[in-house]
Full PDB file with SEQRES, HELIX, SHEET, SSBOND, CRYST1, ORIGX, SCALE, CONECT and MASTER records, all heavy atoms in Angstrom:
SEQRES   1 A   37  PRO LEU LEU ILE ASN ALA PHE GLY SER VAL ARG ARG MET          
SEQRES   2 A   37  GLU LEU ALA PHE GLU VAL ASN GLY LEU GLY GLU ILE ALA          
SEQRES   3 A   37  GLU ARG ILE GLN GLY PHE LEU LYS MET GLU THR                  
HELIX    1 AA1 VAL A   10  PHE A   17  1                                   8    
HELIX    2 AA2 GLY A   23  LEU A   33  1                                  11    
CRYST1    1.000    1.000    1.000  90.00  90.00  90.00 P 1           1          
ORIGX1      1.000000  0.000000  0.000000        0.00000                         
ORIGX2      0.000000  1.000000  0.000000        0.00000                         
ORIGX3      0.000000  0.000000  1.000000        0.00000                         
SCALE1      1.000000  0.000000  0.000000        0.00000                         
SCALE2      0.000000  1.000000  0.000000        0.00000                         
SCALE3      0.000000  0.000000  1.000000        0.00000                         
ATOM      1  N   PRO A   1       0.835  -1.205   0.000  1.00  0.00           N  
ATOM      2  CA  PRO A   1       0.000   0.000   0.000  1.00  0.00           C  
ATOM      3  C   PRO A   1       0.872   1.258   0.000  1.00  0.00           C  
ATOM      4  O   PRO A   1       2.074   1.183   0.291  1.00  0.00           O  
ATOM      5  CB  PRO A   1      -0.803  -0.110   1.294  1.00  0.00           C  
ATOM      6  CG  PRO A   1      -0.092  -1.093   2.132  1.00  0.00           C  
ATOM      7  CD  PRO A   1       0.735  -1.958   1.230  1.00  0.00           C  
ATOM      8  N   LEU A   2       0.263   2.391  -0.321  1.00  0.00           N  
ATOM      9  CA  LEU A   2       0.996   3.652  -0.410  1.00  0.00           C  
ATOM     10  C   LEU A   2       0.318   4.687   0.479  1.00  0.00           C  
ATOM     11  O   LEU A   2      -0.880   4.947   0.329  1.00  0.00           O  
ATOM     12  CB  LEU A   2       1.014   4.137  -1.860  1.00  0.00           C  
ATOM     13  CG  LEU A   2       1.628   5.502  -2.122  1.00  0.00           C  
ATOM     14  CD1 LEU A   2       3.121   5.486  -1.817  1.00  0.00           C  
ATOM     15  CD2 LEU A   2       1.384   5.907  -3.568  1.00  0.00           C  
ATOM     16  N   LEU A   3       1.064   5.269   1.391  1.00  0.00           N  
ATOM     17  CA  LEU A   3       0.554   6.291   2.298  1.00  0.00           C  
ATOM     18  C   LEU A   3       1.030   7.656   1.825  1.00  0.00           C  
ATOM     19  O   LEU A   3       2.233   7.849   1.622  1.00  0.00           O  
ATOM     20  CB  LEU A   3       1.044   6.023   3.728  1.00  0.00           C  
ATOM     21  CG  LEU A   3       0.619   7.004   4.802  1.00  0.00           C  
ATOM     22  CD1 LEU A   3      -0.902   6.983   4.986  1.00  0.00           C  
ATOM     23  CD2 LEU A   3       1.319   6.670   6.120  1.00  0.00           C  
ATOM     24  N   ILE A   4       0.081   8.580   1.660  1.00  0.00           N  
ATOM     25  CA  ILE A   4       0.417   9.925   1.179  1.00  0.00           C  
ATOM     26  C   ILE A   4      -0.137  10.949   2.161  1.00  0.00           C  
ATOM     27  O   ILE A   4      -1.213  10.766   2.724  1.00  0.00           O  
ATOM     28  CB  ILE A   4      -0.175  10.158  -0.230  1.00  0.00           C  
ATOM     29  CG1 ILE A   4       0.558   9.290  -1.221  1.00  0.00           C  
ATOM     30  CG2 ILE A   4      -0.126  11.613  -0.628  1.00  0.00           C  
ATOM     31  CD1 ILE A   4       0.257   9.551  -2.654  1.00  0.00           C  
ATOM     32  N   ASN A   5       0.594  12.040   2.348  1.00  0.00           N  
ATOM     33  CA  ASN A   5       0.154  13.180   3.152  1.00  0.00           C  
ATOM     34  C   ASN A   5       0.036  12.820   4.640  1.00  0.00           C  
ATOM     35  O   ASN A   5      -0.740  13.427   5.370  1.00  0.00           O  
ATOM     36  CB  ASN A   5      -1.179  13.728   2.616  1.00  0.00           C  
ATOM     37  CG  ASN A   5      -1.425  15.177   2.996  1.00  0.00           C  
ATOM     38  OD1 ASN A   5      -0.500  15.887   3.360  1.00  0.00           O  
ATOM     39  ND2 ASN A   5      -2.661  15.597   2.913  1.00  0.00           N  
ATOM     40  N   ALA A   6       0.834  11.875   5.092  1.00  0.00           N  
ATOM     41  CA  ALA A   6       0.767  11.439   6.484  1.00  0.00           C  
ATOM     42  C   ALA A   6       1.163  12.552   7.453  1.00  0.00           C  
ATOM     43  O   ALA A   6       0.661  12.614   8.567  1.00  0.00           O  
ATOM     44  CB  ALA A   6       1.669  10.223   6.701  1.00  0.00           C  
ATOM     45  N   PHE A   7       2.056  13.432   7.035  1.00  0.00           N  
ATOM     46  CA  PHE A   7       2.535  14.517   7.899  1.00  0.00           C  
ATOM     47  C   PHE A   7       2.120  15.875   7.343  1.00  0.00           C  
ATOM     48  O   PHE A   7       2.790  16.876   7.570  1.00  0.00           O  
ATOM     49  CB  PHE A   7       4.061  14.443   8.040  1.00  0.00           C  
ATOM     50  CG  PHE A   7       4.538  13.083   8.444  1.00  0.00           C  
ATOM     51  CD1 PHE A   7       5.199  12.261   7.537  1.00  0.00           C  
ATOM     52  CD2 PHE A   7       4.304  12.601   9.718  1.00  0.00           C  
ATOM     53  CE1 PHE A   7       5.630  11.001   7.901  1.00  0.00           C  
ATOM     54  CE2 PHE A   7       4.729  11.329  10.096  1.00  0.00           C  
ATOM     55  CZ  PHE A   7       5.393  10.531   9.189  1.00  0.00           C  
ATOM     56  N   GLY A   8       0.987  15.905   6.631  1.00  0.00           N  
ATOM     57  CA  GLY A   8       0.563  17.100   5.910  1.00  0.00           C  
ATOM     58  C   GLY A   8      -0.169  18.142   6.723  1.00  0.00           C  
ATOM     59  O   GLY A   8      -0.593  19.146   6.179  1.00  0.00           O  
ATOM     60  N   SER A   9      -0.321  17.939   8.028  1.00  0.00           N  
ATOM     61  CA  SER A   9      -0.978  18.948   8.858  1.00  0.00           C  
ATOM     62  C   SER A   9      -0.284  19.000  10.213  1.00  0.00           C  
ATOM     63  O   SER A   9       0.393  18.052  10.619  1.00  0.00           O  
ATOM     64  CB  SER A   9      -2.457  18.618   9.054  1.00  0.00           C  
ATOM     65  OG  SER A   9      -2.620  17.514   9.920  1.00  0.00           O  
ATOM     66  N   VAL A  10      -0.481  20.103  10.897  1.00  0.00           N  
ATOM     67  CA  VAL A  10       0.094  20.246  12.231  1.00  0.00           C  
ATOM     68  C   VAL A  10      -0.456  19.155  13.146  1.00  0.00           C  
ATOM     69  O   VAL A  10       0.284  18.540  13.919  1.00  0.00           O  
ATOM     70  CB  VAL A  10      -0.207  21.651  12.810  1.00  0.00           C  
ATOM     71  CG1 VAL A  10       0.201  21.742  14.265  1.00  0.00           C  
ATOM     72  CG2 VAL A  10       0.506  22.720  11.985  1.00  0.00           C  
ATOM     73  N   ARG A  11      -1.743  18.874  13.038  1.00  0.00           N  
ATOM     74  CA  ARG A  11      -2.363  17.838  13.879  1.00  0.00           C  
ATOM     75  C   ARG A  11      -1.696  16.478  13.661  1.00  0.00           C  
ATOM     76  O   ARG A  11      -1.397  15.758  14.612  1.00  0.00           O  
ATOM     77  CB  ARG A  11      -3.868  17.756  13.565  1.00  0.00           C  
ATOM     78  CG  ARG A  11      -4.576  16.628  14.263  1.00  0.00           C  
ATOM     79  CD  ARG A  11      -4.754  16.892  15.744  1.00  0.00           C  
ATOM     80  NE  ARG A  11      -5.441  15.774  16.366  1.00  0.00           N  
ATOM     81  CZ  ARG A  11      -4.985  15.124  17.421  1.00  0.00           C  
ATOM     82  NH1 ARG A  11      -3.886  15.505  18.020  1.00  0.00           N  
ATOM     83  NH2 ARG A  11      -5.651  14.114  17.916  1.00  0.00           N  
ATOM     84  N   ARG A  12      -1.440  16.124  12.419  1.00  0.00           N  
ATOM     85  CA  ARG A  12      -0.811  14.827  12.145  1.00  0.00           C  
ATOM     86  C   ARG A  12       0.647  14.803  12.605  1.00  0.00           C  
ATOM     87  O   ARG A  12       1.146  13.767  13.043  1.00  0.00           O  
ATOM     88  CB  ARG A  12      -0.956  14.462  10.672  1.00  0.00           C  
ATOM     89  CG  ARG A  12      -2.397  14.108  10.325  1.00  0.00           C  
ATOM     90  CD  ARG A  12      -2.544  13.422   9.007  1.00  0.00           C  
ATOM     91  NE  ARG A  12      -2.277  14.249   7.860  1.00  0.00           N  
ATOM     92  CZ  ARG A  12      -3.160  15.062   7.285  1.00  0.00           C  
ATOM     93  NH1 ARG A  12      -4.383  15.153   7.759  1.00  0.00           N  
ATOM     94  NH2 ARG A  12      -2.834  15.766   6.225  1.00  0.00           N  
ATOM     95  N   MET A  13       1.329  15.943  12.539  1.00  0.00           N  
ATOM     96  CA  MET A  13       2.697  16.003  13.064  1.00  0.00           C  
ATOM     97  C   MET A  13       2.685  15.811  14.584  1.00  0.00           C  
ATOM     98  O   MET A  13       3.529  15.111  15.138  1.00  0.00           O  
ATOM     99  CB  MET A  13       3.351  17.349  12.717  1.00  0.00           C  
ATOM    100  CG  MET A  13       3.637  17.519  11.240  1.00  0.00           C  
ATOM    101  SD  MET A  13       4.881  16.378  10.627  1.00  0.00           S  
ATOM    102  CE  MET A  13       6.326  16.981  11.450  1.00  0.00           C  
ATOM    103  N   GLU A  14       1.704  16.414  15.256  1.00  0.00           N  
ATOM    104  CA  GLU A  14       1.583  16.229  16.702  1.00  0.00           C  
ATOM    105  C   GLU A  14       1.305  14.765  17.038  1.00  0.00           C  
ATOM    106  O   GLU A  14       1.863  14.227  17.999  1.00  0.00           O  
ATOM    107  CB  GLU A  14       0.475  17.128  17.257  1.00  0.00           C  
ATOM    108  CG  GLU A  14       0.816  18.596  17.203  1.00  0.00           C  
ATOM    109  CD  GLU A  14      -0.363  19.512  17.483  1.00  0.00           C  
ATOM    110  OE1 GLU A  14      -1.520  19.041  17.503  1.00  0.00           O  
ATOM    111  OE2 GLU A  14      -0.111  20.724  17.663  1.00  0.00           O  
ATOM    112  N   LEU A  15       0.463  14.119  16.246  1.00  0.00           N  
ATOM    113  CA  LEU A  15       0.197  12.694  16.461  1.00  0.00           C  
ATOM    114  C   LEU A  15       1.464  11.873  16.233  1.00  0.00           C  
ATOM    115  O   LEU A  15       1.755  10.938  16.986  1.00  0.00           O  
ATOM    116  CB  LEU A  15      -0.909  12.208  15.526  1.00  0.00           C  
ATOM    117  CG  LEU A  15      -2.313  12.723  15.823  1.00  0.00           C  
ATOM    118  CD1 LEU A  15      -3.274  12.351  14.689  1.00  0.00           C  
ATOM    119  CD2 LEU A  15      -2.820  12.186  17.148  1.00  0.00           C  
ATOM    120  N   ALA A  16       2.236  12.223  15.207  1.00  0.00           N  
ATOM    121  CA  ALA A  16       3.467  11.484  14.903  1.00  0.00           C  
ATOM    122  C   ALA A  16       4.476  11.590  16.043  1.00  0.00           C  
ATOM    123  O   ALA A  16       5.111  10.605  16.423  1.00  0.00           O  
ATOM    124  CB  ALA A  16       4.077  11.987  13.601  1.00  0.00           C  
ATOM    125  N   PHE A  17       4.613  12.800  16.604  1.00  0.00           N  
ATOM    126  CA  PHE A  17       5.567  13.022  17.689  1.00  0.00           C  
ATOM    127  C   PHE A  17       4.971  12.726  19.061  1.00  0.00           C  
ATOM    128  O   PHE A  17       5.676  12.797  20.072  1.00  0.00           O  
ATOM    129  CB  PHE A  17       6.074  14.470  17.676  1.00  0.00           C  
ATOM    130  CG  PHE A  17       7.047  14.763  16.574  1.00  0.00           C  
ATOM    131  CD1 PHE A  17       6.756  15.702  15.612  1.00  0.00           C  
ATOM    132  CD2 PHE A  17       8.261  14.097  16.508  1.00  0.00           C  
ATOM    133  CE1 PHE A  17       7.652  15.992  14.599  1.00  0.00           C  
ATOM    134  CE2 PHE A  17       9.166  14.372  15.497  1.00  0.00           C  
ATOM    135  CZ  PHE A  17       8.863  15.323  14.542  1.00  0.00           C  
ATOM    136  N   GLU A  18       3.671  12.418  19.090  1.00  0.00           N  
ATOM    137  CA  GLU A  18       2.958  12.129  20.331  1.00  0.00           C  
ATOM    138  C   GLU A  18       3.084  13.272  21.332  1.00  0.00           C  
ATOM    139  O   GLU A  18       3.469  13.092  22.482  1.00  0.00           O  
ATOM    140  CB  GLU A  18       3.435  10.812  20.933  1.00  0.00           C  
ATOM    141  CG  GLU A  18       3.154   9.636  20.028  1.00  0.00           C  
ATOM    142  CD  GLU A  18       3.616   8.318  20.602  1.00  0.00           C  
ATOM    143  OE1 GLU A  18       4.821   8.183  20.916  1.00  0.00           O  
ATOM    144  OE2 GLU A  18       2.768   7.428  20.741  1.00  0.00           O  
ATOM    145  N   VAL A  19       2.759  14.485  20.860  1.00  0.00           N  
ATOM    146  CA  VAL A  19       2.773  15.681  21.693  1.00  0.00           C  
ATOM    147  C   VAL A  19       1.453  16.430  21.520  1.00  0.00           C  
ATOM    148  O   VAL A  19       0.708  16.193  20.573  1.00  0.00           O  
ATOM    149  CB  VAL A  19       3.956  16.613  21.336  1.00  0.00           C  
ATOM    150  CG1 VAL A  19       5.287  15.940  21.630  1.00  0.00           C  
ATOM    151  CG2 VAL A  19       3.898  17.067  19.885  1.00  0.00           C  
ATOM    152  N   ASN A  20       1.174  17.349  22.442  1.00  0.00           N  
ATOM    153  CA  ASN A  20      -0.033  18.167  22.346  1.00  0.00           C  
ATOM    154  C   ASN A  20       0.183  19.417  21.511  1.00  0.00           C  
ATOM    155  O   ASN A  20      -0.767  20.046  21.068  1.00  0.00           O  
ATOM    156  CB  ASN A  20      -0.522  18.558  23.741  1.00  0.00           C  
ATOM    157  CG  ASN A  20      -1.003  17.346  24.512  1.00  0.00           C  
ATOM    158  OD1 ASN A  20      -1.670  16.482  23.961  1.00  0.00           O  
ATOM    159  ND2 ASN A  20      -0.647  17.270  25.773  1.00  0.00           N  
ATOM    160  N   GLY A  21       1.433  19.810  21.326  1.00  0.00           N  
ATOM    161  CA  GLY A  21       1.777  20.960  20.509  1.00  0.00           C  
ATOM    162  C   GLY A  21       3.214  20.818  20.040  1.00  0.00           C  
ATOM    163  O   GLY A  21       4.054  20.267  20.758  1.00  0.00           O  
ATOM    164  N   LEU A  22       3.500  21.316  18.837  1.00  0.00           N  
ATOM    165  CA  LEU A  22       4.857  21.171  18.305  1.00  0.00           C  
ATOM    166  C   LEU A  22       5.883  21.948  19.121  1.00  0.00           C  
ATOM    167  O   LEU A  22       7.065  21.637  19.089  1.00  0.00           O  
ATOM    168  CB  LEU A  22       4.894  21.595  16.835  1.00  0.00           C  
ATOM    169  CG  LEU A  22       4.139  20.681  15.874  1.00  0.00           C  
ATOM    170  CD1 LEU A  22       4.231  21.197  14.452  1.00  0.00           C  
ATOM    171  CD2 LEU A  22       4.645  19.258  15.954  1.00  0.00           C  
ATOM    172  N   GLY A  23       5.414  22.937  19.890  1.00  0.00           N  
ATOM    173  CA  GLY A  23       6.319  23.678  20.764  1.00  0.00           C  
ATOM    174  C   GLY A  23       6.996  22.785  21.791  1.00  0.00           C  
ATOM    175  O   GLY A  23       8.107  23.092  22.251  1.00  0.00           O  
ATOM    176  N   GLU A  24       6.345  21.681  22.142  1.00  0.00           N  
ATOM    177  CA  GLU A  24       6.946  20.739  23.099  1.00  0.00           C  
ATOM    178  C   GLU A  24       8.255  20.167  22.556  1.00  0.00           C  
ATOM    179  O   GLU A  24       9.210  19.956  23.312  1.00  0.00           O  
ATOM    180  CB  GLU A  24       5.984  19.592  23.407  1.00  0.00           C  
ATOM    181  CG  GLU A  24       4.782  19.993  24.219  1.00  0.00           C  
ATOM    182  CD  GLU A  24       3.850  18.815  24.477  1.00  0.00           C  
ATOM    183  OE1 GLU A  24       4.342  17.685  24.677  1.00  0.00           O  
ATOM    184  OE2 GLU A  24       2.627  19.035  24.471  1.00  0.00           O  
ATOM    185  N   ILE A  25       8.290  19.924  21.260  1.00  0.00           N  
ATOM    186  CA  ILE A  25       9.511  19.385  20.644  1.00  0.00           C  
ATOM    187  C   ILE A  25      10.631  20.421  20.738  1.00  0.00           C  
ATOM    188  O   ILE A  25      11.761  20.093  21.096  1.00  0.00           O  
ATOM    189  CB  ILE A  25       9.260  18.994  19.168  1.00  0.00           C  
ATOM    190  CG1 ILE A  25       8.162  17.955  19.068  1.00  0.00           C  
ATOM    191  CG2 ILE A  25      10.534  18.529  18.493  1.00  0.00           C  
ATOM    192  CD1 ILE A  25       8.484  16.639  19.720  1.00  0.00           C  
ATOM    193  N   ALA A  26      10.309  21.672  20.432  1.00  0.00           N  
ATOM    194  CA  ALA A  26      11.312  22.742  20.506  1.00  0.00           C  
ATOM    195  C   ALA A  26      11.848  22.879  21.933  1.00  0.00           C  
ATOM    196  O   ALA A  26      13.057  23.047  22.127  1.00  0.00           O  
ATOM    197  CB  ALA A  26      10.705  24.064  20.032  1.00  0.00           C  
ATOM    198  N   GLU A  27      10.955  22.795  22.911  1.00  0.00           N  
ATOM    199  CA  GLU A  27      11.382  22.902  24.313  1.00  0.00           C  
ATOM    200  C   GLU A  27      12.328  21.765  24.682  1.00  0.00           C  
ATOM    201  O   GLU A  27      13.327  21.981  25.380  1.00  0.00           O  
ATOM    202  CB  GLU A  27      10.169  22.888  25.236  1.00  0.00           C  
ATOM    203  CG  GLU A  27       9.333  24.147  25.159  1.00  0.00           C  
ATOM    204  CD  GLU A  27       8.017  24.034  25.922  1.00  0.00           C  
ATOM    205  OE1 GLU A  27       7.859  23.072  26.718  1.00  0.00           O  
ATOM    206  OE2 GLU A  27       7.148  24.898  25.713  1.00  0.00           O  
ATOM    207  N   ARG A  28      12.025  20.554  24.221  1.00  0.00           N  
ATOM    208  CA  ARG A  28      12.891  19.414  24.535  1.00  0.00           C  
ATOM    209  C   ARG A  28      14.264  19.590  23.903  1.00  0.00           C  
ATOM    210  O   ARG A  28      15.296  19.328  24.534  1.00  0.00           O  
ATOM    211  CB  ARG A  28      12.255  18.116  24.055  1.00  0.00           C  
ATOM    212  CG  ARG A  28      11.060  17.722  24.925  1.00  0.00           C  
ATOM    213  CD  ARG A  28      10.292  16.567  24.358  1.00  0.00           C  
ATOM    214  NE  ARG A  28      11.072  15.346  24.309  1.00  0.00           N  
ATOM    215  CZ  ARG A  28      10.645  14.232  23.722  1.00  0.00           C  
ATOM    216  NH1 ARG A  28       9.454  14.188  23.156  1.00  0.00           N  
ATOM    217  NH2 ARG A  28      11.396  13.152  23.716  1.00  0.00           N  
ATOM    218  N   ILE A  29      14.290  20.052  22.666  1.00  0.00           N  
ATOM    219  CA  ILE A  29      15.576  20.264  21.980  1.00  0.00           C  
ATOM    220  C   ILE A  29      16.373  21.342  22.694  1.00  0.00           C  
ATOM    221  O   ILE A  29      17.580  21.187  22.928  1.00  0.00           O  
ATOM    222  CB  ILE A  29      15.347  20.620  20.496  1.00  0.00           C  
ATOM    223  CG1 ILE A  29      14.787  19.402  19.758  1.00  0.00           C  
ATOM    224  CG2 ILE A  29      16.640  21.107  19.847  1.00  0.00           C  
ATOM    225  CD1 ILE A  29      14.311  19.686  18.364  1.00  0.00           C  
ATOM    226  N   GLN A  30      15.709  22.451  23.072  1.00  0.00           N  
ATOM    227  CA  GLN A  30      16.405  23.520  23.790  1.00  0.00           C  
ATOM    228  C   GLN A  30      16.958  23.022  25.111  1.00  0.00           C  
ATOM    229  O   GLN A  30      18.056  23.410  25.516  1.00  0.00           O  
ATOM    230  CB  GLN A  30      15.466  24.700  24.023  1.00  0.00           C  
ATOM    231  CG  GLN A  30      15.208  25.504  22.776  1.00  0.00           C  
ATOM    232  CD  GLN A  30      14.199  26.638  22.994  1.00  0.00           C  
ATOM    233  OE1 GLN A  30      13.482  26.637  23.986  1.00  0.00           O  
ATOM    234  NE2 GLN A  30      14.165  27.575  22.076  1.00  0.00           N  
ATOM    235  N   GLY A  31      16.205  22.155  25.784  1.00  0.00           N  
ATOM    236  CA  GLY A  31      16.684  21.593  27.042  1.00  0.00           C  
ATOM    237  C   GLY A  31      17.984  20.825  26.866  1.00  0.00           C  
ATOM    238  O   GLY A  31      18.892  20.918  27.707  1.00  0.00           O  
ATOM    239  N   PHE A  32      18.102  20.095  25.763  1.00  0.00           N  
ATOM    240  CA  PHE A  32      19.343  19.353  25.510  1.00  0.00           C  
ATOM    241  C   PHE A  32      20.474  20.292  25.126  1.00  0.00           C  
ATOM    242  O   PHE A  32      21.624  20.085  25.506  1.00  0.00           O  
ATOM    243  CB  PHE A  32      19.137  18.303  24.417  1.00  0.00           C  
ATOM    244  CG  PHE A  32      18.332  17.129  24.874  1.00  0.00           C  
ATOM    245  CD1 PHE A  32      17.109  16.854  24.301  1.00  0.00           C  
ATOM    246  CD2 PHE A  32      18.786  16.303  25.884  1.00  0.00           C  
ATOM    247  CE1 PHE A  32      16.350  15.779  24.725  1.00  0.00           C  
ATOM    248  CE2 PHE A  32      18.046  15.223  26.321  1.00  0.00           C  
ATOM    249  CZ  PHE A  32      16.821  14.960  25.745  1.00  0.00           C  
ATOM    250  N   LEU A  33      20.159  21.332  24.375  1.00  0.00           N  
ATOM    251  CA  LEU A  33      21.197  22.263  23.947  1.00  0.00           C  
ATOM    252  C   LEU A  33      21.737  23.095  25.113  1.00  0.00           C  
ATOM    253  O   LEU A  33      22.885  23.523  25.092  1.00  0.00           O  
ATOM    254  CB  LEU A  33      20.660  23.193  22.851  1.00  0.00           C  
ATOM    255  CG  LEU A  33      20.312  22.508  21.526  1.00  0.00           C  
ATOM    256  CD1 LEU A  33      19.702  23.509  20.556  1.00  0.00           C  
ATOM    257  CD2 LEU A  33      21.541  21.858  20.908  1.00  0.00           C  
ATOM    258  N   LYS A  34      20.913  23.324  26.118  1.00  0.00           N  
ATOM    259  CA  LYS A  34      21.312  24.149  27.259  1.00  0.00           C  
ATOM    260  C   LYS A  34      21.943  23.329  28.388  1.00  0.00           C  
ATOM    261  O   LYS A  34      22.263  23.880  29.429  1.00  0.00           O  
ATOM    262  CB  LYS A  34      20.093  24.907  27.800  1.00  0.00           C  
ATOM    263  CG  LYS A  34      19.601  25.973  26.865  1.00  0.00           C  
ATOM    264  CD  LYS A  34      18.406  26.688  27.450  1.00  0.00           C  
ATOM    265  CE  LYS A  34      17.886  27.735  26.485  1.00  0.00           C  
ATOM    266  NZ  LYS A  34      16.676  28.394  27.015  1.00  0.00           N  
ATOM    267  N   MET A  35      22.116  22.032  28.187  1.00  0.00           N  
ATOM    268  CA  MET A  35      22.699  21.202  29.247  1.00  0.00           C  
ATOM    269  C   MET A  35      24.116  21.675  29.558  1.00  0.00           C  
ATOM    270  O   MET A  35      24.900  21.951  28.655  1.00  0.00           O  
ATOM    271  CB  MET A  35      22.740  19.728  28.835  1.00  0.00           C  
ATOM    272  CG  MET A  35      21.463  19.008  29.087  1.00  0.00           C  
ATOM    273  SD  MET A  35      21.604  17.208  29.103  1.00  0.00           S  
ATOM    274  CE  MET A  35      22.283  16.818  27.539  1.00  0.00           C  
ATOM    275  N   GLU A  36      24.384  21.769  30.839  1.00  0.00           N  
ATOM    276  CA  GLU A  36      25.718  22.166  31.288  1.00  0.00           C  
ATOM    277  C   GLU A  36      26.401  20.966  31.952  1.00  0.00           C  
ATOM    278  O   GLU A  36      25.743  20.064  32.457  1.00  0.00           O  
ATOM    279  CB  GLU A  36      25.613  23.326  32.265  1.00  0.00           C  
ATOM    280  CG  GLU A  36      25.041  24.580  31.617  1.00  0.00           C  
ATOM    281  CD  GLU A  36      24.904  25.729  32.595  1.00  0.00           C  
ATOM    282  OE1 GLU A  36      25.526  25.664  33.684  1.00  0.00           O  
ATOM    283  OE2 GLU A  36      24.182  26.671  32.273  1.00  0.00           O  
ATOM    284  N   THR A  37      27.691  20.992  31.962  1.00  0.00           N  
ATOM    285  CA  THR A  37      28.454  19.917  32.603  1.00  0.00           C  
ATOM    286  C   THR A  37      28.163  19.923  34.096  1.00  0.00           C  
ATOM    287  O   THR A  37      28.258  20.967  34.741  1.00  0.00           O  
ATOM    288  CB  THR A  37      29.964  20.126  32.360  1.00  0.00           C  
ATOM    289  OG1 THR A  37      30.190  20.239  30.960  1.00  0.00           O  
ATOM    290  CG2 THR A  37      30.773  18.971  32.922  1.00  0.00           C  
TER     291      THR A  37                                                      
MASTER        0    0    0    2    0    0    0    6  290    1    0    3          
END                                                                             
């Protein structure tokens, strides 16, 4: 089978990443970038 447009909306991206908002992903990335020794 062929799947098309699976990530074609913000809602589907949130489902893919299993988050309530895409901002959660940015916050997680920033948390890793700001890690100090």
